[in-house]
N, C-alpha and C. Protein backbone atom coordinates (compact mmCIF):
# COMPACT_ATOMS: atom_id res chain seq x y z
N MET A 1 0.97 -1.02 0.18
CA MET A 1 -0.20 -0.22 0.17
C MET A 1 1.08 1.47 -0.13
N LYS A 2 0.78 2.29 -0.86
CA LYS A 2 1.70 3.32 -0.90
C LYS A 2 0.65 4.35 -0.20
N ARG A 3 1.89 5.01 0.24
CA ARG A 3 1.09 6.48 1.03
C ARG A 3 1.22 7.77 0.20
N THR A 4 0.23 8.27 0.27
CA THR A 4 -0.09 9.83 -0.25
C THR A 4 0.47 10.77 1.09
N GLN A 5 1.08 11.46 0.36
CA GLN A 5 1.40 12.92 1.21
C GLN A 5 0.39 13.56 0.72
N LEU A 6 -0.30 14.41 1.80
CA LEU A 6 -1.13 16.06 1.87
C LEU A 6 -0.17 16.86 1.66
N ARG A 7 -0.72 17.74 0.43
CA ARG A 7 0.00 18.88 0.40
C ARG A 7 -1.02 19.75 0.77
N PRO A 8 -0.71 21.14 1.30
CA PRO A 8 -1.41 21.80 1.34
C PRO A 8 -1.96 22.64 0.22
N ILE A 9 -3.45 23.37 0.71
CA ILE A 9 -4.41 23.35 -0.31
C ILE A 9 -3.52 25.06 -0.96
N LEU A 10 -3.19 25.64 0.11
CA LEU A 10 -2.79 27.25 0.28
C LEU A 10 -1.48 26.84 0.65
N PRO A 11 -0.67 27.96 -0.36
CA PRO A 11 0.73 27.86 -1.16
C PRO A 11 1.54 28.79 0.29
N VAL A 12 1.17 28.67 1.48
CA VAL A 12 1.19 29.68 2.55
C VAL A 12 1.36 28.89 4.12
N SER A 13 1.97 29.13 5.22
CA SER A 13 2.91 28.66 6.06
C SER A 13 1.35 28.40 6.22
N LEU A 14 1.15 28.08 7.79
CA LEU A 14 -0.10 28.18 9.03
C LEU A 14 -0.78 29.51 9.29
N PRO A 15 1.00 30.12 10.14
CA PRO A 15 0.58 31.19 10.79
C PRO A 15 0.31 32.44 10.02
N ALA A 16 0.60 32.41 8.99
CA ALA A 16 0.17 33.50 7.26
C ALA A 16 -1.39 33.04 7.33
N ALA A 17 -1.78 32.05 7.42
CA ALA A 17 -3.01 31.17 7.14
C ALA A 17 -4.14 32.02 8.01
N LEU A 18 -3.93 32.26 9.60
CA LEU A 18 -4.14 32.36 10.17
C LEU A 18 -4.34 33.51 10.63
N ILE A 19 -3.22 34.60 9.92
CA ILE A 19 -3.39 35.72 10.01
C ILE A 19 -3.72 36.34 8.65
N ILE A 20 -4.36 35.77 7.78
CA ILE A 20 -5.35 36.31 6.58
C ILE A 20 -6.38 35.57 7.38
N ILE A 21 -6.65 35.06 7.72
CA ILE A 21 -8.18 34.74 8.02
C ILE A 21 -8.59 35.83 9.54
N PHE A 22 -7.91 35.78 10.14
CA PHE A 22 -8.26 36.85 11.14
C PHE A 22 -8.51 38.41 10.69
N LEU A 23 -7.09 38.43 9.68
CA LEU A 23 -7.85 40.49 9.15
C LEU A 23 -9.40 39.87 8.04
N LEU A 24 -9.40 39.10 7.71
CA LEU A 24 -11.07 38.74 6.79
C LEU A 24 -11.91 39.03 7.40
N VAL A 25 -11.89 38.09 8.84
CA VAL A 25 -12.99 38.28 9.87
C VAL A 25 -12.93 39.23 10.58
N GLY A 26 -12.12 40.02 10.90
CA GLY A 26 -12.25 41.21 11.71
C GLY A 26 -12.47 42.40 10.64
N CYS A 27 -12.57 42.45 9.59
CA CYS A 27 -12.71 43.34 8.88
C CYS A 27 -14.26 43.43 8.41
N SER A 28 -14.63 41.87 8.67
CA SER A 28 -16.09 41.67 7.85
C SER A 28 -17.10 42.45 9.24
N LEU A 29 -17.20 42.38 10.09
CA LEU A 29 -17.52 42.32 11.35
C LEU A 29 -17.97 44.47 11.56
N PRO A 30 -19.40 44.43 11.89
CA PRO A 30 -19.89 46.18 11.47
C PRO A 30 -19.31 46.26 13.18
N ARG A 31 -18.84 47.69 13.29
CA ARG A 31 -18.66 48.59 14.25
C ARG A 31 -19.25 49.39 14.34
N ILE A 32 -19.86 49.55 15.93
CA ILE A 32 -20.69 51.11 16.14
C ILE A 32 -19.76 51.78 16.79
N THR A 33 -19.57 52.78 16.98
CA THR A 33 -18.90 53.93 18.04
C THR A 33 -20.27 55.02 18.08
N VAL A 34 -20.21 54.75 19.59
CA VAL A 34 -20.93 55.92 20.02
C VAL A 34 -20.07 56.96 20.66
N LEU A 35 -19.60 57.91 20.55
CA LEU A 35 -18.85 59.14 20.81
C LEU A 35 -19.41 60.09 21.50
N ASP A 36 -20.72 60.20 21.90
CA ASP A 36 -21.16 61.02 22.11
C ASP A 36 -22.75 60.80 22.34
N ASP A 37 -23.43 60.67 23.77
CA ASP A 37 -25.61 60.70 23.92
C ASP A 37 -25.43 62.12 23.73
N PRO A 38 -26.38 61.46 22.05
CA PRO A 38 -26.99 63.31 21.26
C PRO A 38 -28.03 63.16 22.77
N LEU A 39 -28.76 62.79 23.35
CA LEU A 39 -29.64 63.22 24.28
C LEU A 39 -28.99 63.89 25.33
N THR A 40 -30.07 64.94 25.59
CA THR A 40 -29.45 65.89 27.34
C THR A 40 -29.99 64.93 28.52
N ALA A 41 -29.96 65.66 29.42
CA ALA A 41 -29.97 65.04 30.72
C ALA A 41 -31.75 65.25 30.40
N ARG A 42 -32.55 66.52 30.02
CA ARG A 42 -34.20 66.75 30.51
C ARG A 42 -34.32 65.91 29.19
N ASP A 43 -34.07 65.35 27.96
CA ASP A 43 -34.05 64.20 27.13
C ASP A 43 -34.44 63.24 27.56
N HIS A 44 -33.62 62.36 28.23
CA HIS A 44 -33.24 61.13 29.26
C HIS A 44 -34.81 61.22 29.54
N LEU A 45 -34.67 62.89 31.02
CA LEU A 45 -36.23 62.59 31.72
C LEU A 45 -37.51 62.31 31.16
N LYS A 46 -37.52 63.23 29.89
CA LYS A 46 -38.67 62.71 29.40
C LYS A 46 -39.16 61.51 28.71
N LEU A 47 -38.16 60.85 28.52
CA LEU A 47 -38.03 59.41 27.53
C LEU A 47 -38.40 58.45 28.94
N ALA A 48 -37.86 58.87 29.97
CA ALA A 48 -38.25 58.19 31.16
C ALA A 48 -39.85 58.57 31.54
N ALA A 49 -40.07 59.17 31.58
CA ALA A 49 -41.28 59.91 32.07
C ALA A 49 -42.35 59.36 31.18
N ALA A 50 -42.02 59.23 29.85
CA ALA A 50 -42.92 58.36 28.71
C ALA A 50 -42.80 56.83 29.27
N TYR A 51 -41.30 56.03 29.29
CA TYR A 51 -41.67 54.74 29.48
C TYR A 51 -42.58 54.69 30.52
N GLU A 52 -42.25 55.48 31.86
CA GLU A 52 -42.99 55.23 33.04
C GLU A 52 -44.55 54.86 32.68
N LYS A 53 -44.72 55.87 31.67
CA LYS A 53 -46.40 56.37 31.72
C LYS A 53 -46.57 54.74 30.98
N ASN A 54 -46.06 54.53 30.01
CA ASN A 54 -46.11 52.93 29.07
C ASN A 54 -46.06 51.81 30.13
N ALA A 55 -45.55 52.05 31.19
CA ALA A 55 -45.00 50.80 32.18
C ALA A 55 -44.29 49.72 31.63
N GLU A 56 -43.36 50.50 30.92
CA GLU A 56 -42.11 49.59 30.35
C GLU A 56 -40.77 50.45 31.46
N TYR A 57 -40.68 49.70 32.55
CA TYR A 57 -40.14 50.25 33.96
C TYR A 57 -39.05 50.22 33.50
N ASP A 58 -38.44 48.99 33.12
CA ASP A 58 -36.95 48.60 32.91
C ASP A 58 -36.19 49.78 31.98
N LEU A 59 -36.96 50.30 30.95
CA LEU A 59 -36.22 51.26 30.06
C LEU A 59 -36.81 52.69 31.05
N ALA A 60 -37.61 52.45 31.66
CA ALA A 60 -38.14 54.72 32.10
C ALA A 60 -36.54 54.68 33.66
N GLU A 61 -36.50 53.11 34.22
CA GLU A 61 -35.28 53.08 35.08
C GLU A 61 -33.93 53.56 34.46
N ARG A 62 -33.74 52.93 33.62
CA ARG A 62 -32.31 53.26 32.91
C ARG A 62 -32.43 55.16 32.15
N GLU A 63 -33.69 55.31 32.14
CA GLU A 63 -33.53 56.83 31.66
C GLU A 63 -33.55 57.81 32.71
N TYR A 64 -34.36 57.45 33.90
CA TYR A 64 -33.91 58.30 35.19
C TYR A 64 -32.55 58.74 35.75
N ARG A 65 -32.08 57.24 35.50
CA ARG A 65 -30.70 57.00 35.82
C ARG A 65 -29.49 57.91 34.99
N LYS A 66 -29.80 57.72 33.59
CA LYS A 66 -28.73 58.65 33.07
C LYS A 66 -29.26 60.49 33.01
N ALA A 67 -30.19 61.06 33.28
CA ALA A 67 -30.71 61.82 33.48
C ALA A 67 -30.55 62.27 35.02
N ALA A 68 -30.30 61.90 36.21
CA ALA A 68 -30.03 61.60 37.44
C ALA A 68 -28.12 61.91 37.53
N ARG A 69 -27.59 61.66 36.74
CA ARG A 69 -26.23 62.21 36.52
C ARG A 69 -25.96 63.92 36.39
N GLU A 70 -27.13 64.59 35.95
CA GLU A 70 -27.35 66.10 35.66
C GLU A 70 -28.51 66.56 36.56
N ILE A 71 -29.38 66.02 36.40
CA ILE A 71 -30.51 66.55 36.83
C ILE A 71 -31.37 66.24 38.42
N PRO A 72 -30.85 66.19 39.79
CA PRO A 72 -31.13 65.51 41.14
C PRO A 72 -32.57 64.82 41.39
N GLU A 73 -33.26 65.51 40.59
CA GLU A 73 -34.65 65.50 40.43
C GLU A 73 -35.02 63.75 40.22
N ALA A 74 -34.27 63.58 39.52
CA ALA A 74 -34.55 62.26 38.46
C ALA A 74 -34.53 61.24 39.83
N HIS A 75 -33.61 61.55 41.03
CA HIS A 75 -34.11 60.18 41.80
C HIS A 75 -35.06 60.69 42.24
N LEU A 76 -35.32 61.69 42.64
CA LEU A 76 -37.01 61.68 43.27
C LEU A 76 -37.85 60.77 42.63
N PHE A 77 -38.13 61.59 41.11
CA PHE A 77 -38.88 60.36 40.52
C PHE A 77 -38.82 58.96 40.32
N LEU A 78 -37.60 58.71 40.27
CA LEU A 78 -36.99 57.29 40.22
C LEU A 78 -37.82 56.72 41.46
N ALA A 79 -37.82 57.31 42.05
CA ALA A 79 -38.54 56.68 44.26
C ALA A 79 -39.51 56.78 44.11
N ASN A 80 -39.84 57.71 43.02
CA ASN A 80 -41.55 57.39 43.05
C ASN A 80 -42.37 56.46 41.99
N MET A 81 -41.31 56.01 41.60
CA MET A 81 -41.85 54.91 40.04
C MET A 81 -41.54 53.43 41.38
N TYR A 82 -40.62 53.47 41.98
CA TYR A 82 -40.46 52.44 42.80
C TYR A 82 -41.37 51.98 43.70
N PHE A 83 -41.98 53.37 44.74
CA PHE A 83 -42.68 53.29 45.07
C PHE A 83 -44.23 52.93 45.17
N VAL A 84 -44.80 53.30 43.48
CA VAL A 84 -45.76 52.52 42.77
C VAL A 84 -45.87 51.30 42.72
N ARG A 85 -44.68 50.86 42.64
CA ARG A 85 -44.32 49.31 41.91
C ARG A 85 -43.98 48.60 43.31
N LYS A 86 -44.61 49.38 44.55
CA LYS A 86 -43.87 48.42 46.07
C LYS A 86 -42.14 47.90 45.51
N ASP A 87 -41.29 48.66 45.27
CA ASP A 87 -39.79 48.10 45.77
C ASP A 87 -39.91 49.14 46.31
N TYR A 88 -39.97 48.69 47.89
CA TYR A 88 -39.86 50.38 48.58
C TYR A 88 -38.34 50.11 49.48
N GLY A 89 -37.96 49.35 49.26
CA GLY A 89 -36.19 49.21 49.06
C GLY A 89 -35.55 49.75 47.92
N ALA A 90 -35.64 49.77 47.19
CA ALA A 90 -35.24 51.02 46.15
C ALA A 90 -35.55 52.15 46.38
N ALA A 91 -36.87 52.21 46.64
CA ALA A 91 -37.67 53.96 46.60
C ALA A 91 -36.91 54.71 47.75
N GLU A 92 -36.48 53.53 49.15
CA GLU A 92 -36.18 54.45 50.21
C GLU A 92 -34.68 54.85 49.82
N LYS A 93 -33.75 54.28 48.67
CA LYS A 93 -32.59 54.34 48.51
C LYS A 93 -32.74 55.77 47.70
N GLU A 94 -33.87 55.53 46.45
CA GLU A 94 -33.46 56.76 46.09
C GLU A 94 -34.20 58.27 46.93
N TYR A 95 -35.30 57.84 47.22
CA TYR A 95 -35.62 59.16 48.29
C TYR A 95 -34.31 59.43 49.00
N ARG A 96 -33.46 59.30 49.99
CA ARG A 96 -32.36 59.34 50.75
C ARG A 96 -31.45 60.00 49.46
N LYS A 97 -31.19 59.62 48.54
CA LYS A 97 -30.67 60.03 47.12
C LYS A 97 -31.22 61.97 47.28
N ALA A 98 -31.99 61.78 46.93
CA ALA A 98 -32.91 62.98 46.25
C ALA A 98 -32.70 63.77 47.40
N ILE A 99 -32.83 63.54 48.93
CA ILE A 99 -32.56 64.49 50.23
C ILE A 99 -31.67 64.90 50.06
N THR A 100 -30.34 64.03 49.56
CA THR A 100 -29.28 64.51 49.70
C THR A 100 -29.22 65.87 48.47
N ALA A 101 -29.44 65.51 47.60
CA ALA A 101 -29.01 66.33 46.13
C ALA A 101 -29.78 67.25 46.10
N LEU A 102 -30.95 67.81 46.75
CA LEU A 102 -32.14 68.33 46.87
C LEU A 102 -32.50 68.67 48.50
N PRO A 103 -31.53 68.81 49.00
CA PRO A 103 -31.91 69.41 50.44
C PRO A 103 -32.98 70.49 50.76
N GLU A 104 -33.34 71.25 50.09
CA GLU A 104 -34.22 72.54 50.24
C GLU A 104 -35.71 72.13 49.44
N ASN A 105 -35.79 70.77 48.86
CA ASN A 105 -37.03 70.45 48.11
C ASN A 105 -37.90 69.48 49.32
N PRO A 106 -39.06 70.06 49.45
CA PRO A 106 -39.74 69.30 50.52
C PRO A 106 -40.75 67.94 50.08
N GLN A 107 -40.42 67.82 48.69
CA GLN A 107 -41.00 66.37 48.25
C GLN A 107 -39.99 65.25 48.62
N PRO A 108 -39.01 64.83 48.47
CA PRO A 108 -38.39 63.96 49.08
C PRO A 108 -38.33 63.73 50.45
N PHE A 109 -38.61 64.69 51.28
CA PHE A 109 -38.74 64.25 52.68
C PHE A 109 -40.18 63.95 53.08
N ASN A 110 -41.00 64.28 52.27
CA ASN A 110 -42.15 64.17 52.44
C ASN A 110 -42.97 62.26 51.95
N ASN A 111 -41.42 62.46 50.82
CA ASN A 111 -42.48 61.02 50.30
C ASN A 111 -41.52 59.96 50.94
N LEU A 112 -40.48 60.45 51.59
CA LEU A 112 -39.61 59.17 52.37
C LEU A 112 -40.81 58.84 53.40
N ALA A 113 -41.03 60.18 54.22
CA ALA A 113 -41.93 60.15 55.68
C ALA A 113 -42.99 59.06 55.37
N TRP A 114 -43.66 59.30 53.83
CA TRP A 114 -45.15 58.75 53.32
C TRP A 114 -44.64 57.09 53.04
N LEU A 115 -43.77 57.16 52.64
CA LEU A 115 -43.26 55.67 52.53
C LEU A 115 -43.28 54.98 53.64
N TYR A 116 -42.87 55.23 54.68
CA TYR A 116 -42.74 55.17 56.24
C TYR A 116 -44.00 54.47 57.06
N TYR A 117 -44.71 55.58 56.69
CA TYR A 117 -46.09 55.89 57.30
C TYR A 117 -46.85 54.62 56.55
N THR A 118 -46.64 54.49 55.17
CA THR A 118 -47.52 53.44 54.31
C THR A 118 -46.42 51.90 54.85
N LEU A 119 -45.47 51.85 55.26
CA LEU A 119 -45.29 50.87 55.56
C LEU A 119 -45.21 50.51 57.55
N ASN A 120 -46.08 51.63 58.03
CA ASN A 120 -46.14 51.65 59.23
C ASN A 120 -44.69 50.99 60.00
N SER A 121 -43.51 51.64 59.84
CA SER A 121 -42.22 51.54 59.77
C SER A 121 -41.90 52.72 60.56
N ASN A 122 -40.72 52.68 61.00
CA ASN A 122 -39.68 53.99 61.46
C ASN A 122 -40.38 55.26 61.22
N LEU A 123 -41.83 55.25 62.25
CA LEU A 123 -41.72 56.41 62.41
C LEU A 123 -41.86 57.37 63.06
N GLU A 124 -40.92 57.40 63.71
CA GLU A 124 -40.36 58.51 64.33
C GLU A 124 -39.95 59.25 63.67
N GLU A 125 -38.42 58.59 62.41
CA GLU A 125 -37.88 59.31 61.84
C GLU A 125 -38.99 59.66 60.39
N ALA A 126 -39.73 58.93 60.45
CA ALA A 126 -40.76 59.60 59.68
C ALA A 126 -41.48 60.98 59.61
N GLU A 127 -41.78 61.19 61.19
CA GLU A 127 -42.44 62.68 61.78
C GLU A 127 -41.04 63.58 61.58
N GLU A 128 -40.08 63.07 61.62
CA GLU A 128 -38.60 64.17 61.70
C GLU A 128 -38.87 64.78 60.03
N LEU A 129 -39.18 63.74 59.24
CA LEU A 129 -38.92 64.14 57.56
C LEU A 129 -39.88 64.70 57.66
N ALA A 130 -41.12 64.54 57.80
CA ALA A 130 -42.65 65.50 57.50
C ALA A 130 -42.38 66.46 58.24
N ARG A 131 -41.83 66.52 59.31
CA ARG A 131 -41.72 68.18 59.75
C ARG A 131 -41.11 69.20 59.14
N ARG A 132 -39.64 68.39 58.77
CA ARG A 132 -38.54 68.75 57.51
C ARG A 132 -39.40 69.47 56.15
N ALA A 133 -40.34 68.38 55.67
CA ALA A 133 -40.80 68.92 54.82
C ALA A 133 -41.99 70.58 54.86
N VAL A 134 -43.05 70.06 55.85
CA VAL A 134 -43.47 71.39 56.56
C VAL A 134 -42.76 72.37 56.33
N GLU A 135 -41.40 72.54 57.39
CA GLU A 135 -40.54 73.87 57.20
C GLU A 135 -40.16 74.05 56.21
N LEU A 136 -39.89 73.52 54.96
CA LEU A 136 -39.28 73.51 54.09
C LEU A 136 -40.26 74.76 52.75
N ALA A 137 -41.78 73.53 52.98
CA ALA A 137 -42.91 74.33 51.99
C ALA A 137 -43.25 75.70 52.55
N GLY A 138 -42.49 75.69 53.46
CA GLY A 138 -43.50 77.31 54.13
C GLY A 138 -44.75 77.21 54.21
N PRO A 139 -45.36 78.38 55.03
CA PRO A 139 -46.86 78.28 55.41
C PRO A 139 -47.85 78.25 54.12
N GLU A 140 -47.21 79.03 53.28
CA GLU A 140 -48.17 78.70 51.79
C GLU A 140 -48.83 77.23 51.02
N GLN A 141 -47.57 76.32 51.06
CA GLN A 141 -47.40 75.07 50.13
C GLN A 141 -47.29 74.14 51.07
N SER A 142 -47.56 74.03 52.44
CA SER A 142 -47.29 73.11 53.22
C SER A 142 -48.30 72.25 53.50
N GLY A 143 -49.65 72.76 53.25
CA GLY A 143 -50.71 71.41 53.26
C GLY A 143 -50.43 70.45 52.86
N PRO A 144 -50.12 69.90 51.62
CA PRO A 144 -50.37 68.34 51.69
C PRO A 144 -49.28 67.82 52.64
N TYR A 145 -48.18 68.54 53.08
CA TYR A 145 -47.09 67.93 53.92
C TYR A 145 -47.70 68.09 55.32
N ARG A 146 -48.36 68.86 55.73
CA ARG A 146 -48.76 69.24 56.70
C ARG A 146 -50.10 67.57 57.37
N ASP A 147 -50.70 67.50 56.09
CA ASP A 147 -51.53 65.90 56.14
C ASP A 147 -50.55 64.68 56.46
N THR A 148 -49.38 64.94 55.58
CA THR A 148 -48.65 63.49 55.90
C THR A 148 -48.43 63.56 57.35
N LEU A 149 -47.65 64.58 57.98
CA LEU A 149 -46.94 64.79 59.28
C LEU A 149 -48.14 64.77 60.32
N ASP A 150 -49.65 65.19 60.21
CA ASP A 150 -50.60 64.92 61.03
C ASP A 150 -51.36 63.14 60.66
N ARG A 151 -50.93 62.76 59.88
CA ARG A 151 -51.10 61.49 59.78
C ARG A 151 -50.14 60.57 60.49
N ILE A 152 -49.27 60.74 60.63
CA ILE A 152 -48.02 60.15 61.45
C ILE A 152 -48.11 60.48 62.62
N ARG A 153 -48.45 61.35 63.02
CA ARG A 153 -48.57 61.78 64.16
C ARG A 153 -49.75 60.92 64.84
N HIS A 154 -50.94 60.60 63.81
CA HIS A 154 -52.28 59.84 64.81
C HIS A 154 -51.58 58.72 64.81
N ALA A 155 -50.88 58.14 63.48
CA ALA A 155 -50.49 57.04 63.73
C ALA A 155 -49.39 56.13 64.88
N ARG A 156 -49.10 57.53 65.62
CA ARG A 156 -47.73 57.46 66.54
C ARG A 156 -48.80 57.48 68.02
N ASN A 157 -50.11 57.59 67.64
CA ASN A 157 -50.65 58.00 68.73
C ASN A 157 -50.06 59.15 69.64
N LEU A 158 -49.81 60.77 68.98
CA LEU A 158 -49.01 61.47 69.90
C LEU A 158 -50.28 62.50 69.63
């Protein structure tokens, strides 16, 4: 029986063939490079609200987070979305971020107080948060915040 010697199909060495294959494959793959986000933070905020309205919560969350890089109110809106979805742990974290970012805005104080009231937990802290919201709002706009404070006090039996 006579042995036949196999000859390479390509007249190049194996390393050279691998390099050629790599170059051909590498050149044929599409590449998308995003140099800059074309949307502003306000655009992301509007898009997040639209997604939230359509119950596309994962997309809304992503857009709120992008907006929050420049617009602190986005933490408040994100927290409110979590609250409505009953993800109270995530809501609490975002309300705290909003309080830090917006120390003169009564809403995050009030909303975190309302979260605690809803869960019937941390009512002492809830009262402090609601009291701070009333102070920040001033006499003319304190009505809704005063309502939260009154309900918490009633729940605490004070």
